[in-house]
Amino acid sequence: MYRVAVSGINAVDNPGPGVGIAKGLKEGSLEVSVYGLAYDAMEPGIYMKWLFEKSFIMPYPSAGEEAFIERLLYIKSNYGLDAVIPALDAELPLFIKSSSLLESYGVKTFLPTEEQFKLRGKDHLPKIAEKIGVKVPETRIVTSYEELNKALEELGFPVMVKGIFYEAYKAFNISQATSYFNSIVSKWGYPVIVQQVISGEEMNLVGVGDGEGGHLGFLAIKKLWITSLGKTWTAVTVRNDKLFSLAESFVSNFKWRGAFELECMVSGSDVYLIEINPRFPAWVYFAAGVGVNLPERLLKAALGLDPERDWNYPAGKLYVRFTDDLVTDISQFQQVVTTGES
């Protein structure tokens, strides 16, 4: 029995990947006990006892490495813990920095390096795209109103206004662009990315790099319906050779280690790289559902086992996310609030 902790169990309107990861692990060939790592007592994953045998409230990453590691070692010493699969951008730097220390205590991870993690910054996309031979939308990096106005004049409308790591909005006029610019700066600071809008089909690819230039499998999808927050609600599997070539070039050139998602726009015969995410997306269960169980493969790699590498999935499989209802006892909530675990 392997005991593995998974974060991102906030299965709300802006869901984390944790529930999908847990479902993949439960449906795999390994015998696992899955723990949920939460940051709030209201995260729904805490109460999904068929997926998470136990759940623990974690200190926010902003509390620092010591408190974070102390909590994980508490779980290790009291309940056993063989591996952790972190699934949220905000906590990844802490896990990456602490991976060697966790390893010394017997807690395995399979994560990108610090240098690889930095590639997720949208300001790095043009250089990455050039190296792997793919297009990116015309992009301007701006740090002032003057630069913003110049970028808008050069690119025209509509444009995407993005934080360097988080948030993205489509602006159709100067007023909207300025408002989004101000909002992003107030939350995340400079720089802000202003990007040409590419029309076409939105396609994403999820995979796991083996850290040596190869990979443990890919799955590509075309989004059919997204929420107002931009989350995939329905999608269909696709097999796009140019997308696969892009992904293979990415893992080969950067020796990517761990989970990743490539967000792309496909316009005719052109593929544009829009964003790189250094973790599993919320729709990762789709991969397990069509026979490419990436969560389990990543866990096997972390544990030093030999993961499968085949990924010959069928095109035309449909993914549908849905909401559900769960009724439980208030005592579970009270236990989480008072003890920090359930």
C-alpha atoms as a PDB file:
ATOM      1  CA  MET A   1       0.000   0.000   0.000  1.00  0.00           C
ATOM      2  CA  TYR A   2       1.430   3.352  -1.088  1.00  0.00           C
ATOM      3  CA  ARG A   3       0.310   6.470   0.741  1.00  0.00           C
ATOM      4  CA  VAL A   4       0.247   9.540  -1.468  1.00  0.00           C
ATOM      5  CA  ALA A   5      -0.891  13.082  -0.708  1.00  0.00           C
ATOM      6  CA  VAL A   6      -2.558  15.217  -3.381  1.00  0.00           C
ATOM      7  CA  SER A   7      -3.295  18.938  -3.223  1.00  0.00           C
ATOM      8  CA  GLY A   8      -5.704  21.046  -5.273  1.00  0.00           C
ATOM      9  CA  ILE A   9      -8.829  19.339  -3.906  1.00  0.00           C
ATOM     10  CA  ASN A  10     -10.880  22.536  -4.200  1.00  0.00           C
ATOM     11  CA  ALA A  11     -13.489  21.076  -6.567  1.00  0.00           C
ATOM     12  CA  VAL A  12     -15.494  24.302  -6.895  1.00  0.00           C
ATOM     13  CA  ASP A  13     -16.428  26.528  -9.862  1.00  0.00           C
ATOM     14  CA  ASN A  14     -12.700  27.133 -10.423  1.00  0.00           C
ATOM     15  CA  PRO A  15     -11.554  23.581  -9.676  1.00  0.00           C
ATOM     16  CA  GLY A  16      -8.075  22.389  -8.866  1.00  0.00           C
ATOM     17  CA  PRO A  17      -6.683  19.180 -10.376  1.00  0.00           C
ATOM     18  CA  GLY A  18      -6.680  17.183  -7.117  1.00  0.00           C
ATOM     19  CA  VAL A  19      -9.948  15.284  -7.515  1.00  0.00           C
ATOM     20  CA  GLY A  20      -9.033  14.211 -11.052  1.00  0.00           C
ATOM     21  CA  ILE A  21      -5.579  13.100  -9.907  1.00  0.00           C
ATOM     22  CA  ALA A  22      -7.091  11.081  -7.053  1.00  0.00           C
ATOM     23  CA  LYS A  23      -9.575   9.384  -9.392  1.00  0.00           C
ATOM     24  CA  GLY A  24      -6.739   8.375 -11.696  1.00  0.00           C
ATOM     25  CA  LEU A  25      -4.707   6.977  -8.799  1.00  0.00           C
ATOM     26  CA  LYS A  26      -7.682   5.022  -7.466  1.00  0.00           C
ATOM     27  CA  GLU A  27      -8.334   3.465 -10.866  1.00  0.00           C
ATOM     28  CA  GLY A  28      -4.705   2.479 -11.448  1.00  0.00           C
ATOM     29  CA  SER A  29      -2.854  -0.769 -10.873  1.00  0.00           C
ATOM     30  CA  LEU A  30      -1.131   0.336  -7.650  1.00  0.00           C
ATOM     31  CA  GLU A  31      -2.757  -0.132  -4.272  1.00  0.00           C
ATOM     32  CA  VAL A  32      -2.901   3.393  -2.883  1.00  0.00           C
ATOM     33  CA  SER A  33      -4.293   5.340   0.022  1.00  0.00           C
ATOM     34  CA  VAL A  34      -4.827   8.955  -1.037  1.00  0.00           C
ATOM     35  CA  TYR A  35      -4.644  11.886   1.378  1.00  0.00           C
ATOM     36  CA  GLY A  36      -6.040  15.292   0.524  1.00  0.00           C
ATOM     37  CA  LEU A  37      -4.056  18.472   1.230  1.00  0.00           C
ATOM     38  CA  ALA A  38      -6.403  21.448   1.625  1.00  0.00           C
ATOM     39  CA  TYR A  39      -6.056  25.117   2.517  1.00  0.00           C
ATOM     40  CA  ASP A  40      -9.624  25.678   3.672  1.00  0.00           C
ATOM     41  CA  ALA A  41     -12.122  23.579   5.622  1.00  0.00           C
ATOM     42  CA  MET A  42     -14.734  24.135   2.914  1.00  0.00           C
ATOM     43  CA  GLU A  43     -12.784  22.457   0.109  1.00  0.00           C
ATOM     44  CA  PRO A  44     -15.135  19.730  -1.193  1.00  0.00           C
ATOM     45  CA  GLY A  45     -12.426  17.084  -1.564  1.00  0.00           C
ATOM     46  CA  ILE A  46     -12.171  16.860   2.235  1.00  0.00           C
ATOM     47  CA  TYR A  47     -15.626  15.287   2.325  1.00  0.00           C
ATOM     48  CA  MET A  48     -15.142  12.865  -0.590  1.00  0.00           C
ATOM     49  CA  LYS A  49     -14.166   9.927   1.577  1.00  0.00           C
ATOM     50  CA  TRP A  50     -14.357   7.497  -1.336  1.00  0.00           C
ATOM     51  CA  LEU A  51     -11.364   9.299  -2.854  1.00  0.00           C
ATOM     52  CA  PHE A  52      -9.462  10.726   0.118  1.00  0.00           C
ATOM     53  CA  GLU A  53      -9.039   8.469   3.143  1.00  0.00           C
ATOM     54  CA  LYS A  54      -7.817  11.422   5.187  1.00  0.00           C
ATOM     55  CA  SER A  55      -7.477  15.154   4.586  1.00  0.00           C
ATOM     56  CA  PHE A  56      -5.234  17.729   6.209  1.00  0.00           C
ATOM     57  CA  ILE A  57      -5.308  21.520   6.359  1.00  0.00           C
ATOM     58  CA  MET A  58      -1.966  22.885   5.181  1.00  0.00           C
ATOM     59  CA  PRO A  59      -0.354  26.203   6.097  1.00  0.00           C
ATOM     60  CA  TYR A  60      -0.359  28.651   3.205  1.00  0.00           C
ATOM     61  CA  PRO A  61       2.902  28.611   1.232  1.00  0.00           C
ATOM     62  CA  SER A  62       3.398  32.230   2.278  1.00  0.00           C
ATOM     63  CA  ALA A  63       3.950  30.943   5.841  1.00  0.00           C
ATOM     64  CA  GLY A  64       7.318  29.663   4.656  1.00  0.00           C
ATOM     65  CA  GLU A  65       9.160  26.411   4.125  1.00  0.00           C
ATOM     66  CA  GLU A  66       9.554  25.427   7.773  1.00  0.00           C
ATOM     67  CA  ALA A  67       5.845  25.353   8.604  1.00  0.00           C
ATOM     68  CA  PHE A  68       5.045  23.628   5.323  1.00  0.00           C
ATOM     69  CA  ILE A  69       7.617  20.856   5.757  1.00  0.00           C
ATOM     70  CA  GLU A  70       6.706  20.429   9.413  1.00  0.00           C
ATOM     71  CA  ARG A  71       3.102  19.711   8.428  1.00  0.00           C
ATOM     72  CA  LEU A  72       4.106  17.144   5.819  1.00  0.00           C
ATOM     73  CA  LEU A  73       6.453  15.413   8.267  1.00  0.00           C
ATOM     74  CA  TYR A  74       3.627  15.318  10.817  1.00  0.00           C
ATOM     75  CA  ILE A  75       1.547  13.417   8.269  1.00  0.00           C
ATOM     76  CA  LYS A  76       4.509  11.155   7.497  1.00  0.00           C
ATOM     77  CA  SER A  77       5.219  10.264  11.119  1.00  0.00           C
ATOM     78  CA  ASN A  78       1.600   9.777  12.177  1.00  0.00           C
ATOM     79  CA  TYR A  79      -0.042   8.197   9.134  1.00  0.00           C
ATOM     80  CA  GLY A  80       2.732   7.291   6.717  1.00  0.00           C
ATOM     81  CA  LEU A  81       3.477   9.177   3.512  1.00  0.00           C
ATOM     82  CA  ASP A  82       5.373   7.829   0.508  1.00  0.00           C
ATOM     83  CA  ALA A  83       4.830  10.552  -2.089  1.00  0.00           C
ATOM     84  CA  VAL A  84       3.234  13.932  -2.732  1.00  0.00           C
ATOM     85  CA  ILE A  85       1.678  15.191  -5.964  1.00  0.00           C
ATOM     86  CA  PRO A  86       1.300  18.975  -5.627  1.00  0.00           C
ATOM     87  CA  ALA A  87      -1.184  20.452  -8.081  1.00  0.00           C
ATOM     88  CA  LEU A  88      -1.313  24.213  -7.474  1.00  0.00           C
ATOM     89  CA  ASP A  89       0.987  26.840  -8.971  1.00  0.00           C
ATOM     90  CA  ALA A  90       1.336  28.788  -5.716  1.00  0.00           C
ATOM     91  CA  GLU A  91       2.772  25.851  -3.767  1.00  0.00           C
ATOM     92  CA  LEU A  92       5.033  24.397  -6.455  1.00  0.00           C
ATOM     93  CA  PRO A  93       8.050  26.657  -5.758  1.00  0.00           C
ATOM     94  CA  LEU A  94       8.021  25.518  -2.136  1.00  0.00           C
ATOM     95  CA  PHE A  95       7.759  21.843  -3.068  1.00  0.00           C
ATOM     96  CA  ILE A  96      10.512  22.179  -5.672  1.00  0.00           C
ATOM     97  CA  LYS A  97      12.821  23.930  -3.219  1.00  0.00           C
ATOM     98  CA  SER A  98      12.116  21.310  -0.529  1.00  0.00           C
ATOM     99  CA  SER A  99      12.123  18.195  -2.721  1.00  0.00           C
ATOM    100  CA  SER A 100      15.586  17.016  -1.630  1.00  0.00           C
ATOM    101  CA  LEU A 101      14.725  17.493   2.038  1.00  0.00           C
ATOM    102  CA  LEU A 102      11.450  15.599   1.621  1.00  0.00           C
ATOM    103  CA  GLU A 103      13.318  12.854  -0.207  1.00  0.00           C
ATOM    104  CA  SER A 104      15.698  12.506   2.751  1.00  0.00           C
ATOM    105  CA  TYR A 105      12.653  11.738   4.925  1.00  0.00           C
ATOM    106  CA  GLY A 106      11.311   9.202   2.432  1.00  0.00           C
ATOM    107  CA  VAL A 107       8.670  11.420   0.827  1.00  0.00           C
ATOM    108  CA  LYS A 108       9.009  11.231  -2.967  1.00  0.00           C
ATOM    109  CA  THR A 109       8.074  13.837  -5.562  1.00  0.00           C
ATOM    110  CA  PHE A 110       8.464  14.086  -9.340  1.00  0.00           C
ATOM    111  CA  LEU A 111       8.697  17.777 -10.134  1.00  0.00           C
ATOM    112  CA  PRO A 112      10.310  20.177 -12.586  1.00  0.00           C
ATOM    113  CA  THR A 113      13.516  21.908 -11.556  1.00  0.00           C
ATOM    114  CA  GLU A 114      13.508  25.552 -10.477  1.00  0.00           C
ATOM    115  CA  GLU A 115      14.809  26.573 -13.907  1.00  0.00           C
ATOM    116  CA  GLN A 116      12.132  24.561 -15.676  1.00  0.00           C
ATOM    117  CA  PHE A 117       9.434  26.025 -13.436  1.00  0.00           C
ATOM    118  CA  LYS A 118      10.452  29.549 -14.434  1.00  0.00           C
ATOM    119  CA  LEU A 119       9.598  28.714 -18.051  1.00  0.00           C
ATOM    120  CA  ARG A 120       5.912  29.020 -17.200  1.00  0.00           C
ATOM    121  CA  GLY A 121       6.262  32.817 -17.165  1.00  0.00           C
ATOM    122  CA  LYS A 122       4.425  34.203 -20.189  1.00  0.00           C
ATOM    123  CA  ASP A 123       7.348  36.523 -20.887  1.00  0.00           C
ATOM    124  CA  HIS A 124       9.446  33.427 -21.709  1.00  0.00           C
ATOM    125  CA  LEU A 125       7.036  32.095 -24.354  1.00  0.00           C
ATOM    126  CA  PRO A 126       8.616  33.777 -27.414  1.00  0.00           C
ATOM    127  CA  LYS A 127      12.074  32.349 -26.615  1.00  0.00           C
ATOM    128  CA  ILE A 128      10.643  28.895 -25.898  1.00  0.00           C
ATOM    129  CA  ALA A 129       8.581  28.937 -29.083  1.00  0.00           C
ATOM    130  CA  GLU A 130      11.610  29.892 -31.161  1.00  0.00           C
ATOM    131  CA  LYS A 131      13.653  27.058 -29.689  1.00  0.00           C
ATOM    132  CA  ILE A 132      11.018  24.385 -30.283  1.00  0.00           C
ATOM    133  CA  GLY A 133       9.905  25.691 -33.673  1.00  0.00           C
ATOM    134  CA  VAL A 134       6.372  26.872 -33.022  1.00  0.00           C
ATOM    135  CA  LYS A 135       4.533  30.187 -33.337  1.00  0.00           C
ATOM    136  CA  VAL A 136       3.307  32.467 -30.560  1.00  0.00           C
ATOM    137  CA  PRO A 137       0.854  35.341 -30.856  1.00  0.00           C
ATOM    138  CA  GLU A 138       2.481  38.755 -31.192  1.00  0.00           C
ATOM    139  CA  THR A 139       3.337  39.765 -27.643  1.00  0.00           C
ATOM    140  CA  ARG A 140       4.294  42.963 -25.863  1.00  0.00           C
ATOM    141  CA  ILE A 141       5.649  43.147 -22.319  1.00  0.00           C
ATOM    142  CA  VAL A 142       4.506  46.392 -20.702  1.00  0.00           C
ATOM    143  CA  THR A 143       5.324  48.159 -17.439  1.00  0.00           C
ATOM    144  CA  SER A 144       3.615  51.542 -17.880  1.00  0.00           C
ATOM    145  CA  TYR A 145       0.554  53.246 -19.373  1.00  0.00           C
ATOM    146  CA  GLU A 146       2.733  54.591 -22.173  1.00  0.00           C
ATOM    147  CA  GLU A 147       3.914  51.109 -23.105  1.00  0.00           C
ATOM    148  CA  LEU A 148       0.346  49.788 -22.794  1.00  0.00           C
ATOM    149  CA  ASN A 149      -0.993  52.404 -25.204  1.00  0.00           C
ATOM    150  CA  LYS A 150       1.838  51.742 -27.641  1.00  0.00           C
ATOM    151  CA  ALA A 151       1.144  47.993 -27.524  1.00  0.00           C
ATOM    152  CA  LEU A 152      -2.559  48.554 -28.169  1.00  0.00           C
ATOM    153  CA  GLU A 153      -1.784  50.768 -31.169  1.00  0.00           C
ATOM    154  CA  GLU A 154       0.553  48.154 -32.637  1.00  0.00           C
ATOM    155  CA  LEU A 155      -1.598  45.087 -31.988  1.00  0.00           C
ATOM    156  CA  GLY A 156      -5.103  46.506 -32.438  1.00  0.00           C
ATOM    157  CA  PHE A 157      -8.222  45.069 -30.815  1.00  0.00           C
ATOM    158  CA  PRO A 158      -9.171  42.668 -29.430  1.00  0.00           C
ATOM    159  CA  VAL A 159      -6.122  41.816 -27.298  1.00  0.00           C
ATOM    160  CA  MET A 160      -5.421  39.556 -24.368  1.00  0.00           C
ATOM    161  CA  VAL A 161      -4.206  41.320 -21.206  1.00  0.00           C
ATOM    162  CA  LYS A 162      -2.377  38.853 -18.938  1.00  0.00           C
ATOM    163  CA  GLY A 163      -0.453  38.682 -15.721  1.00  0.00           C
ATOM    164  CA  ILE A 164       2.998  37.190 -16.073  1.00  0.00           C
ATOM    165  CA  PHE A 165       1.849  34.062 -14.202  1.00  0.00           C
ATOM    166  CA  TYR A 166      -1.869  34.433 -13.425  1.00  0.00           C
ATOM    167  CA  GLU A 167      -5.060  35.868 -14.935  1.00  0.00           C
ATOM    168  CA  ALA A 168      -5.948  36.658 -18.527  1.00  0.00           C
ATOM    169  CA  TYR A 169      -8.677  38.875 -19.979  1.00  0.00           C
ATOM    170  CA  LYS A 170      -9.835  39.714 -23.482  1.00  0.00           C
ATOM    171  CA  ALA A 171     -10.138  43.476 -24.030  1.00  0.00           C
ATOM    172  CA  PHE A 172     -12.102  45.022 -26.885  1.00  0.00           C
ATOM    173  CA  ASN A 173     -11.270  48.689 -26.278  1.00  0.00           C
ATOM    174  CA  ILE A 174      -8.821  50.978 -24.455  1.00  0.00           C
ATOM    175  CA  SER A 175     -11.094  51.347 -21.436  1.00  0.00           C
ATOM    176  CA  GLN A 176     -11.283  47.586 -20.861  1.00  0.00           C
ATOM    177  CA  ALA A 177      -7.560  47.093 -21.491  1.00  0.00           C
ATOM    178  CA  THR A 178      -6.645  49.810 -18.993  1.00  0.00           C
ATOM    179  CA  SER A 179      -9.023  48.403 -16.391  1.00  0.00           C
ATOM    180  CA  TYR A 180      -7.584  44.879 -16.750  1.00  0.00           C
ATOM    181  CA  PHE A 181      -4.050  46.291 -16.705  1.00  0.00           C
ATOM    182  CA  ASN A 182      -4.746  48.091 -13.406  1.00  0.00           C
ATOM    183  CA  SER A 183      -6.386  45.021 -11.884  1.00  0.00           C
ATOM    184  CA  ILE A 184      -3.459  42.737 -12.759  1.00  0.00           C
ATOM    185  CA  VAL A 185      -0.831  45.216 -11.544  1.00  0.00           C
ATOM    186  CA  SER A 186      -2.650  45.682  -8.216  1.00  0.00           C
ATOM    187  CA  LYS A 187      -2.639  41.902  -7.606  1.00  0.00           C
ATOM    188  CA  TRP A 188       0.558  40.645  -9.219  1.00  0.00           C
ATOM    189  CA  GLY A 189       2.679  43.667 -10.087  1.00  0.00           C
ATOM    190  CA  TYR A 190       4.665  44.223 -13.281  1.00  0.00           C
ATOM    191  CA  PRO A 191       5.190  43.274 -16.025  1.00  0.00           C
ATOM    192  CA  VAL A 192       1.868  42.798 -17.804  1.00  0.00           C
ATOM    193  CA  ILE A 193       1.568  40.865 -21.061  1.00  0.00           C
ATOM    194  CA  VAL A 194      -0.444  42.273 -23.977  1.00  0.00           C
ATOM    195  CA  GLN A 195      -0.990  39.680 -26.662  1.00  0.00           C
ATOM    196  CA  GLN A 196      -2.558  39.384 -30.088  1.00  0.00           C
ATOM    197  CA  VAL A 197      -5.777  37.353 -30.175  1.00  0.00           C
ATOM    198  CA  ILE A 198      -5.545  34.309 -32.433  1.00  0.00           C
ATOM    199  CA  SER A 199      -8.753  32.913 -33.867  1.00  0.00           C
ATOM    200  CA  GLY A 200      -8.997  29.163 -34.233  1.00  0.00           C
ATOM    201  CA  GLU A 201      -9.631  26.029 -32.229  1.00  0.00           C
ATOM    202  CA  GLU A 202      -8.485  25.904 -28.631  1.00  0.00           C
ATOM    203  CA  MET A 203      -6.494  22.724 -28.052  1.00  0.00           C
ATOM    204  CA  ASN A 204      -4.610  21.665 -24.944  1.00  0.00           C
ATOM    205  CA  LEU A 205      -2.157  18.862 -24.301  1.00  0.00           C
ATOM    206  CA  VAL A 206      -1.286  17.231 -20.984  1.00  0.00           C
ATOM    207  CA  GLY A 207       1.777  15.085 -20.468  1.00  0.00           C
ATOM    208  CA  VAL A 208       4.495  13.926 -18.084  1.00  0.00           C
ATOM    209  CA  GLY A 209       8.150  14.504 -18.958  1.00  0.00           C
ATOM    210  CA  ASP A 210      10.635  11.919 -17.712  1.00  0.00           C
ATOM    211  CA  GLY A 211      13.382  14.505 -17.035  1.00  0.00           C
ATOM    212  CA  GLU A 212      15.702  12.991 -19.647  1.00  0.00           C
ATOM    213  CA  GLY A 213      14.111  14.327 -22.820  1.00  0.00           C
ATOM    214  CA  GLY A 214      11.421  11.678 -23.139  1.00  0.00           C
ATOM    215  CA  HIS A 215       7.907  11.424 -21.778  1.00  0.00           C
ATOM    216  CA  LEU A 216       5.417   9.064 -20.144  1.00  0.00           C
ATOM    217  CA  GLY A 217       2.519   9.835 -22.472  1.00  0.00           C
ATOM    218  CA  PHE A 218       0.437  12.687 -23.901  1.00  0.00           C
ATOM    219  CA  LEU A 219      -3.259  13.429 -24.298  1.00  0.00           C
ATOM    220  CA  ALA A 220      -4.540  16.213 -26.564  1.00  0.00           C
ATOM    221  CA  ILE A 221      -8.024  17.682 -26.432  1.00  0.00           C
ATOM    222  CA  LYS A 222     -10.156  20.249 -28.216  1.00  0.00           C
ATOM    223  CA  LYS A 223     -12.244  22.369 -25.889  1.00  0.00           C
ATOM    224  CA  LEU A 224     -15.937  22.391 -26.734  1.00  0.00           C
ATOM    225  CA  TRP A 225     -17.361  24.394 -23.853  1.00  0.00           C
ATOM    226  CA  ILE A 226     -15.649  26.438 -21.171  1.00  0.00           C
ATOM    227  CA  THR A 227     -16.989  28.195 -18.087  1.00  0.00           C
ATOM    228  CA  SER A 228     -16.981  31.956 -17.522  1.00  0.00           C
ATOM    229  CA  LEU A 229     -13.732  31.386 -15.588  1.00  0.00           C
ATOM    230  CA  GLY A 230     -12.143  29.684 -18.591  1.00  0.00           C
ATOM    231  CA  LYS A 231     -12.289  26.147 -17.186  1.00  0.00           C
ATOM    232  CA  THR A 232     -12.894  23.211 -19.502  1.00  0.00           C
ATOM    233  CA  TRP A 233     -16.433  21.846 -19.088  1.00  0.00           C
ATOM    234  CA  THR A 234     -16.675  19.609 -22.146  1.00  0.00           C
ATOM    235  CA  ALA A 235     -13.914  18.499 -24.500  1.00  0.00           C
ATOM    236  CA  VAL A 236     -13.083  15.831 -27.050  1.00  0.00           C
ATOM    237  CA  THR A 237      -9.865  13.894 -27.601  1.00  0.00           C
ATOM    238  CA  VAL A 238      -7.938  14.754 -30.768  1.00  0.00           C
ATOM    239  CA  ARG A 239      -4.833  13.461 -32.475  1.00  0.00           C
ATOM    240  CA  ASN A 240      -2.946  16.375 -33.992  1.00  0.00           C
ATOM    241  CA  ASP A 241       0.538  15.558 -35.273  1.00  0.00           C
ATOM    242  CA  LYS A 242       1.752  19.162 -35.061  1.00  0.00           C
ATOM    243  CA  LEU A 243       0.623  19.372 -31.440  1.00  0.00           C
ATOM    244  CA  PHE A 244       2.393  16.114 -30.634  1.00  0.00           C
ATOM    245  CA  SER A 245       5.538  17.329 -32.384  1.00  0.00           C
ATOM    246  CA  LEU A 246       5.418  20.540 -30.341  1.00  0.00           C
ATOM    247  CA  ALA A 247       5.114  18.580 -27.095  1.00  0.00           C
ATOM    248  CA  GLU A 248       7.917  16.180 -27.999  1.00  0.00           C
ATOM    249  CA  SER A 249      10.183  19.092 -28.916  1.00  0.00           C
ATOM    250  CA  PHE A 250       9.323  20.801 -25.624  1.00  0.00           C
ATOM    251  CA  VAL A 251      10.225  17.831 -23.392  1.00  0.00           C
ATOM    252  CA  SER A 252      13.282  17.032 -25.507  1.00  0.00           C
ATOM    253  CA  ASN A 253      14.754  20.542 -25.560  1.00  0.00           C
ATOM    254  CA  PHE A 254      14.081  21.404 -21.930  1.00  0.00           C
ATOM    255  CA  LYS A 255      14.387  17.911 -20.388  1.00  0.00           C
ATOM    256  CA  TRP A 256      11.078  18.576 -18.646  1.00  0.00           C
ATOM    257  CA  ARG A 257      10.490  16.563 -15.481  1.00  0.00           C
ATOM    258  CA  GLY A 258       6.965  15.997 -14.189  1.00  0.00           C
ATOM    259  CA  ALA A 259       3.487  17.041 -15.238  1.00  0.00           C
ATOM    260  CA  PHE A 260       2.789  19.842 -17.700  1.00  0.00           C
ATOM    261  CA  GLU A 261       0.032  21.301 -19.846  1.00  0.00           C
ATOM    262  CA  LEU A 262       0.460  23.153 -23.135  1.00  0.00           C
ATOM    263  CA  GLU A 263      -2.349  25.539 -24.050  1.00  0.00           C
ATOM    264  CA  CYS A 264      -2.500  26.165 -27.784  1.00  0.00           C
ATOM    265  CA  MET A 265      -4.578  27.702 -30.552  1.00  0.00           C
ATOM    266  CA  VAL A 266      -4.765  25.846 -33.848  1.00  0.00           C
ATOM    267  CA  SER A 267      -5.489  28.116 -36.803  1.00  0.00           C
ATOM    268  CA  GLY A 268      -5.528  26.257 -40.106  1.00  0.00           C
ATOM    269  CA  SER A 269      -2.172  24.504 -40.392  1.00  0.00           C
ATOM    270  CA  ASP A 270      -0.547  26.711 -37.719  1.00  0.00           C
ATOM    271  CA  VAL A 271      -0.213  25.892 -34.026  1.00  0.00           C
ATOM    272  CA  TYR A 272       0.337  28.788 -31.620  1.00  0.00           C
ATOM    273  CA  LEU A 273       1.686  28.206 -28.115  1.00  0.00           C
ATOM    274  CA  ILE A 274      -0.372  30.300 -25.684  1.00  0.00           C
ATOM    275  CA  GLU A 275       0.679  29.102 -22.243  1.00  0.00           C
ATOM    276  CA  ILE A 276       2.695  26.480 -20.348  1.00  0.00           C
ATOM    277  CA  ASN A 277       1.420  25.148 -17.024  1.00  0.00           C
ATOM    278  CA  PRO A 278       3.928  23.249 -14.838  1.00  0.00           C
ATOM    279  CA  ARG A 279       1.365  20.852 -13.365  1.00  0.00           C
ATOM    280  CA  PHE A 280      -1.667  18.746 -14.226  1.00  0.00           C
ATOM    281  CA  PRO A 281      -4.770  20.633 -15.400  1.00  0.00           C
ATOM    282  CA  ALA A 282      -8.158  20.240 -13.722  1.00  0.00           C
ATOM    283  CA  TRP A 283      -9.308  17.963 -16.597  1.00  0.00           C
ATOM    284  CA  VAL A 284      -6.441  15.470 -16.085  1.00  0.00           C
ATOM    285  CA  TYR A 285      -8.840  12.607 -15.287  1.00  0.00           C
ATOM    286  CA  PHE A 286      -9.742  12.598 -18.998  1.00  0.00           C
ATOM    287  CA  ALA A 287      -6.338  11.023 -19.656  1.00  0.00           C
ATOM    288  CA  ALA A 288      -6.956   8.200 -17.182  1.00  0.00           C
ATOM    289  CA  GLY A 289     -10.468   7.758 -18.544  1.00  0.00           C
ATOM    290  CA  VAL A 290      -9.183   6.969 -22.057  1.00  0.00           C
ATOM    291  CA  GLY A 291      -6.416   4.641 -20.914  1.00  0.00           C
ATOM    292  CA  VAL A 292      -3.428   6.971 -20.442  1.00  0.00           C
ATOM    293  CA  ASN A 293      -3.299   7.155 -16.647  1.00  0.00           C
ATOM    294  CA  LEU A 294      -0.851  10.039 -16.272  1.00  0.00           C
ATOM    295  CA  PRO A 295      -1.402  10.561 -12.509  1.00  0.00           C
ATOM    296  CA  GLU A 296      -0.430   6.952 -11.796  1.00  0.00           C
ATOM    297  CA  ARG A 297       2.522   7.128 -14.203  1.00  0.00           C
ATOM    298  CA  LEU A 298       3.828  10.206 -12.441  1.00  0.00           C
ATOM    299  CA  LEU A 299       3.453   8.447  -9.078  1.00  0.00           C
ATOM    300  CA  LYS A 300       5.327   5.408 -10.385  1.00  0.00           C
ATOM    301  CA  ALA A 301       8.131   7.652 -11.608  1.00  0.00           C
ATOM    302  CA  ALA A 302       8.304   9.339  -8.199  1.00  0.00           C
ATOM    303  CA  LEU A 303       8.486   5.964  -6.452  1.00  0.00           C
ATOM    304  CA  GLY A 304      11.243   4.705  -8.740  1.00  0.00           C
ATOM    305  CA  LEU A 305       8.968   2.174 -10.431  1.00  0.00           C
ATOM    306  CA  ASP A 306       8.828   1.661 -14.205  1.00  0.00           C
ATOM    307  CA  PRO A 307       5.829   3.573 -15.596  1.00  0.00           C
ATOM    308  CA  GLU A 308       4.070   2.707 -18.838  1.00  0.00           C
ATOM    309  CA  ARG A 309       4.838   4.891 -21.853  1.00  0.00           C
ATOM    310  CA  ASP A 310       2.220   3.875 -24.417  1.00  0.00           C
ATOM    311  CA  TRP A 311      -0.345   6.556 -25.256  1.00  0.00           C
ATOM    312  CA  ASN A 312      -2.289   5.300 -28.230  1.00  0.00           C
ATOM    313  CA  TYR A 313      -5.639   6.709 -27.132  1.00  0.00           C
ATOM    314  CA  PRO A 314      -8.642   7.031 -29.483  1.00  0.00           C
ATOM    315  CA  ALA A 315      -9.802  10.339 -30.954  1.00  0.00           C
ATOM    316  CA  GLY A 316     -13.428  11.316 -30.496  1.00  0.00           C
ATOM    317  CA  LYS A 317     -13.846  10.468 -26.802  1.00  0.00           C
ATOM    318  CA  LEU A 318     -15.997  13.012 -24.976  1.00  0.00           C
ATOM    319  CA  TYR A 319     -15.244  14.557 -21.574  1.00  0.00           C
ATOM    320  CA  VAL A 320     -18.111  16.095 -19.591  1.00  0.00           C
ATOM    321  CA  ARG A 321     -17.673  17.759 -16.215  1.00  0.00           C
ATOM    322  CA  PHE A 322     -20.739  17.911 -13.975  1.00  0.00           C
ATOM    323  CA  THR A 323     -21.747  19.189 -10.565  1.00  0.00           C
ATOM    324  CA  ASP A 324     -22.948  16.890  -7.815  1.00  0.00           C
ATOM    325  CA  ASP A 325     -24.406  17.078  -4.315  1.00  0.00           C
ATOM    326  CA  LEU A 326     -23.015  15.574  -1.131  1.00  0.00           C
ATOM    327  CA  VAL A 327     -24.763  15.436   2.244  1.00  0.00           C
ATOM    328  CA  THR A 328     -22.692  14.673   5.324  1.00  0.00           C
ATOM    329  CA  ASP A 329     -22.601  15.485   9.015  1.00  0.00           C
ATOM    330  CA  ILE A 330     -21.529  18.865  10.365  1.00  0.00           C
ATOM    331  CA  SER A 331     -19.220  17.015  12.759  1.00  0.00           C
ATOM    332  CA  GLN A 332     -16.806  16.412   9.869  1.00  0.00           C
ATOM    333  CA  PHE A 333     -16.547  20.134   9.234  1.00  0.00           C
ATOM    334  CA  GLN A 334     -16.123  20.828  12.955  1.00  0.00           C
ATOM    335  CA  GLN A 335     -13.362  18.225  13.156  1.00  0.00           C
ATOM    336  CA  VAL A 336     -11.466  19.846  10.286  1.00  0.00           C
ATOM    337  CA  VAL A 337     -11.814  23.309  11.818  1.00  0.00           C
ATOM    338  CA  THR A 338     -10.725  22.259  15.297  1.00  0.00           C
ATOM    339  CA  THR A 339      -8.047  19.635  14.536  1.00  0.00           C
ATOM    340  CA  GLY A 340      -6.912  20.507  11.010  1.00  0.00           C
ATOM    341  CA  GLU A 341      -7.606  17.025   9.708  1.00  0.00           C
ATOM    342  CA  SER A 342     -10.445  14.658   8.954  1.00  0.00           C
END
